[in-house]
Amino acid sequence: PSKTVFFLTTMLPARLLPTIRSRCHSLSLKPLEEADVVKVLQSQGMKLPSFSSFAEGSPGRLMRLMEDE
């Protein structure tokens, strides 16, 4: 449909076919600051665990770690 957007994620953009890369816009995402990770957890009703440094700026990674404790 019109106005459809696809998000391609890759650690190796050079491996994408040139015809694909030529139609893409690059968006670099950086890890969040710890204060922002805390805000995300609080918005989900969670508290910051003692091993929060393992999150490396990723609330999703931290939540997965919390599930596996």
N, C-alpha and C. Protein backbone atom coordinates (compact mmCIF):
# COMPACT_ATOMS: atom_id res chain seq x y z
N PRO A 1 0.82 -1.20 0.00
CA PRO A 1 0.00 0.00 0.00
C PRO A 1 0.87 1.27 0.00
N SER A 2 0.29 2.34 -0.43
CA SER A 2 1.05 3.60 -0.43
C SER A 2 1.42 3.99 1.00
N LYS A 3 2.48 4.71 1.11
CA LYS A 3 3.02 5.19 2.39
C LYS A 3 3.44 4.06 3.33
N THR A 4 3.73 2.90 2.78
CA THR A 4 4.23 1.78 3.57
C THR A 4 5.72 1.99 3.81
N VAL A 5 6.16 1.73 5.02
CA VAL A 5 7.57 1.89 5.38
C VAL A 5 8.09 0.55 5.89
N PHE A 6 9.23 0.15 5.39
CA PHE A 6 9.90 -1.06 5.87
C PHE A 6 11.13 -0.63 6.65
N PHE A 7 11.39 -1.30 7.76
CA PHE A 7 12.60 -1.06 8.53
C PHE A 7 13.49 -2.28 8.37
N LEU A 8 14.65 -2.07 7.80
CA LEU A 8 15.64 -3.13 7.67
C LEU A 8 16.71 -2.87 8.72
N THR A 9 17.02 -3.86 9.49
CA THR A 9 18.08 -3.71 10.48
C THR A 9 19.20 -4.68 10.15
N THR A 10 20.41 -4.18 10.23
CA THR A 10 21.55 -5.02 9.93
C THR A 10 22.80 -4.46 10.59
N MET A 11 23.67 -5.34 10.96
CA MET A 11 24.99 -4.94 11.46
C MET A 11 25.98 -4.85 10.30
N LEU A 12 25.58 -5.38 9.13
CA LEU A 12 26.46 -5.43 7.97
C LEU A 12 25.75 -4.87 6.73
N PRO A 13 25.56 -3.56 6.65
CA PRO A 13 24.84 -2.99 5.52
C PRO A 13 25.51 -3.26 4.18
N ALA A 14 26.80 -3.46 4.17
CA ALA A 14 27.51 -3.74 2.92
C ALA A 14 27.06 -5.05 2.30
N ARG A 15 26.47 -5.92 3.08
CA ARG A 15 25.99 -7.21 2.55
C ARG A 15 24.62 -7.11 1.88
N LEU A 16 23.97 -5.97 2.04
CA LEU A 16 22.69 -5.77 1.34
C LEU A 16 22.97 -5.55 -0.14
N LEU A 17 22.08 -6.01 -0.97
CA LEU A 17 22.23 -5.79 -2.41
C LEU A 17 22.27 -4.29 -2.70
N PRO A 18 23.10 -3.87 -3.65
CA PRO A 18 23.17 -2.44 -3.98
C PRO A 18 21.81 -1.83 -4.35
N THR A 19 20.96 -2.60 -5.00
CA THR A 19 19.64 -2.08 -5.37
C THR A 19 18.77 -1.82 -4.14
N ILE A 20 19.00 -2.58 -3.08
CA ILE A 20 18.28 -2.35 -1.82
C ILE A 20 18.88 -1.14 -1.12
N ARG A 21 20.21 -1.13 -0.96
CA ARG A 21 20.89 -0.02 -0.26
C ARG A 21 20.57 1.32 -0.90
N SER A 22 20.47 1.36 -2.23
CA SER A 22 20.25 2.64 -2.91
C SER A 22 18.88 3.23 -2.59
N ARG A 23 17.97 2.41 -2.10
CA ARG A 23 16.63 2.89 -1.78
C ARG A 23 16.41 3.10 -0.29
N CYS A 24 17.48 2.95 0.47
CA CYS A 24 17.37 3.05 1.93
C CYS A 24 17.95 4.35 2.46
N HIS A 25 17.44 4.74 3.61
CA HIS A 25 18.00 5.85 4.38
C HIS A 25 18.62 5.23 5.61
N SER A 26 19.81 5.66 5.92
CA SER A 26 20.50 5.11 7.09
C SER A 26 20.10 5.88 8.34
N LEU A 27 19.85 5.12 9.39
CA LEU A 27 19.49 5.72 10.68
C LEU A 27 20.32 5.04 11.75
N SER A 28 21.26 5.76 12.31
CA SER A 28 22.12 5.20 13.36
C SER A 28 21.45 5.40 14.71
N LEU A 29 21.31 4.33 15.44
CA LEU A 29 20.69 4.39 16.76
C LEU A 29 21.77 4.20 17.82
N LYS A 30 21.73 5.03 18.82
CA LYS A 30 22.73 4.97 19.88
C LYS A 30 22.08 4.46 21.17
N PRO A 31 22.87 3.87 22.06
CA PRO A 31 22.33 3.41 23.35
C PRO A 31 21.78 4.59 24.15
N LEU A 32 20.76 4.30 24.96
CA LEU A 32 20.19 5.33 25.82
C LEU A 32 21.09 5.60 27.02
N GLU A 33 20.97 6.78 27.57
CA GLU A 33 21.64 7.09 28.83
C GLU A 33 20.91 6.33 29.94
N GLU A 34 21.61 6.07 31.04
CA GLU A 34 21.01 5.29 32.13
C GLU A 34 19.74 5.94 32.66
N ALA A 35 19.70 7.27 32.72
CA ALA A 35 18.49 7.97 33.21
C ALA A 35 17.30 7.67 32.31
N ASP A 36 17.54 7.56 31.00
CA ASP A 36 16.45 7.25 30.07
C ASP A 36 16.02 5.79 30.21
N VAL A 37 16.96 4.89 30.48
CA VAL A 37 16.63 3.49 30.71
C VAL A 37 15.74 3.39 31.94
N VAL A 38 16.07 4.15 32.98
CA VAL A 38 15.27 4.16 34.22
C VAL A 38 13.85 4.64 33.91
N LYS A 39 13.72 5.69 33.10
CA LYS A 39 12.40 6.22 32.75
C LYS A 39 11.56 5.17 32.01
N VAL A 40 12.19 4.44 31.12
CA VAL A 40 11.47 3.40 30.38
C VAL A 40 10.99 2.32 31.34
N LEU A 41 11.87 1.88 32.24
CA LEU A 41 11.48 0.85 33.20
C LEU A 41 10.34 1.35 34.09
N GLN A 42 10.45 2.58 34.57
CA GLN A 42 9.40 3.15 35.42
C GLN A 42 8.08 3.23 34.69
N SER A 43 8.12 3.55 33.39
CA SER A 43 6.88 3.63 32.62
C SER A 43 6.21 2.27 32.49
N GLN A 44 6.99 1.20 32.70
CA GLN A 44 6.47 -0.17 32.65
C GLN A 44 6.20 -0.73 34.04
N GLY A 45 6.32 0.14 35.07
CA GLY A 45 6.07 -0.28 36.44
C GLY A 45 7.18 -1.16 37.01
N MET A 46 8.40 -0.99 36.52
CA MET A 46 9.53 -1.81 36.97
C MET A 46 10.55 -0.93 37.68
N LYS A 47 11.38 -1.56 38.50
CA LYS A 47 12.45 -0.86 39.20
C LYS A 47 13.79 -1.27 38.62
N LEU A 48 14.76 -0.38 38.73
CA LEU A 48 16.10 -0.62 38.21
C LEU A 48 16.80 -1.67 39.06
N PRO A 49 17.23 -2.80 38.46
CA PRO A 49 17.91 -3.83 39.23
C PRO A 49 19.38 -3.48 39.45
N SER A 50 20.02 -4.21 40.33
CA SER A 50 21.43 -3.95 40.64
C SER A 50 22.36 -4.24 39.46
N PHE A 51 21.91 -5.05 38.51
CA PHE A 51 22.76 -5.41 37.38
C PHE A 51 22.42 -4.58 36.14
N SER A 52 21.95 -3.36 36.36
CA SER A 52 21.51 -2.52 35.24
C SER A 52 22.64 -2.15 34.28
N SER A 53 23.89 -2.22 34.71
CA SER A 53 25.00 -1.88 33.82
C SER A 53 25.08 -2.84 32.64
N PHE A 54 24.52 -4.04 32.79
CA PHE A 54 24.54 -5.02 31.71
C PHE A 54 23.61 -4.63 30.57
N ALA A 55 22.75 -3.66 30.80
CA ALA A 55 21.79 -3.23 29.77
C ALA A 55 22.49 -2.55 28.60
N GLU A 56 23.61 -1.91 28.88
CA GLU A 56 24.37 -1.19 27.86
C GLU A 56 23.49 -0.23 27.07
N GLY A 57 22.56 0.45 27.77
CA GLY A 57 21.72 1.46 27.13
C GLY A 57 20.49 0.91 26.45
N SER A 58 20.18 -0.37 26.64
CA SER A 58 19.03 -0.99 25.99
C SER A 58 18.01 -1.45 27.03
N PRO A 59 16.87 -0.73 27.15
CA PRO A 59 15.85 -1.16 28.10
C PRO A 59 15.34 -2.56 27.80
N GLY A 60 15.20 -2.89 26.53
CA GLY A 60 14.72 -4.21 26.15
C GLY A 60 15.65 -5.31 26.62
N ARG A 61 16.96 -5.09 26.46
CA ARG A 61 17.94 -6.08 26.93
C ARG A 61 17.84 -6.24 28.44
N LEU A 62 17.70 -5.12 29.14
CA LEU A 62 17.61 -5.18 30.60
C LEU A 62 16.35 -5.94 31.04
N MET A 63 15.23 -5.70 30.36
CA MET A 63 14.00 -6.41 30.70
C MET A 63 14.14 -7.91 30.46
N ARG A 64 14.82 -8.29 29.38
CA ARG A 64 15.05 -9.72 29.13
C ARG A 64 15.94 -10.31 30.22
N LEU A 65 16.96 -9.56 30.63
CA LEU A 65 17.84 -10.04 31.71
C LEU A 65 17.06 -10.19 33.01
N MET A 66 16.14 -9.27 33.25
CA MET A 66 15.35 -9.33 34.48
C MET A 66 14.43 -10.56 34.47
N GLU A 67 13.94 -10.92 33.29
CA GLU A 67 13.10 -12.11 33.20
C GLU A 67 13.90 -13.37 33.50
N ASP A 68 15.16 -13.39 33.08
CA ASP A 68 16.01 -14.56 33.25
C ASP A 68 16.75 -14.60 34.58
N GLU A 69 16.85 -13.44 35.25
CA GLU A 69 17.60 -13.29 36.49
C GLU A 69 18.37 -14.54 36.78
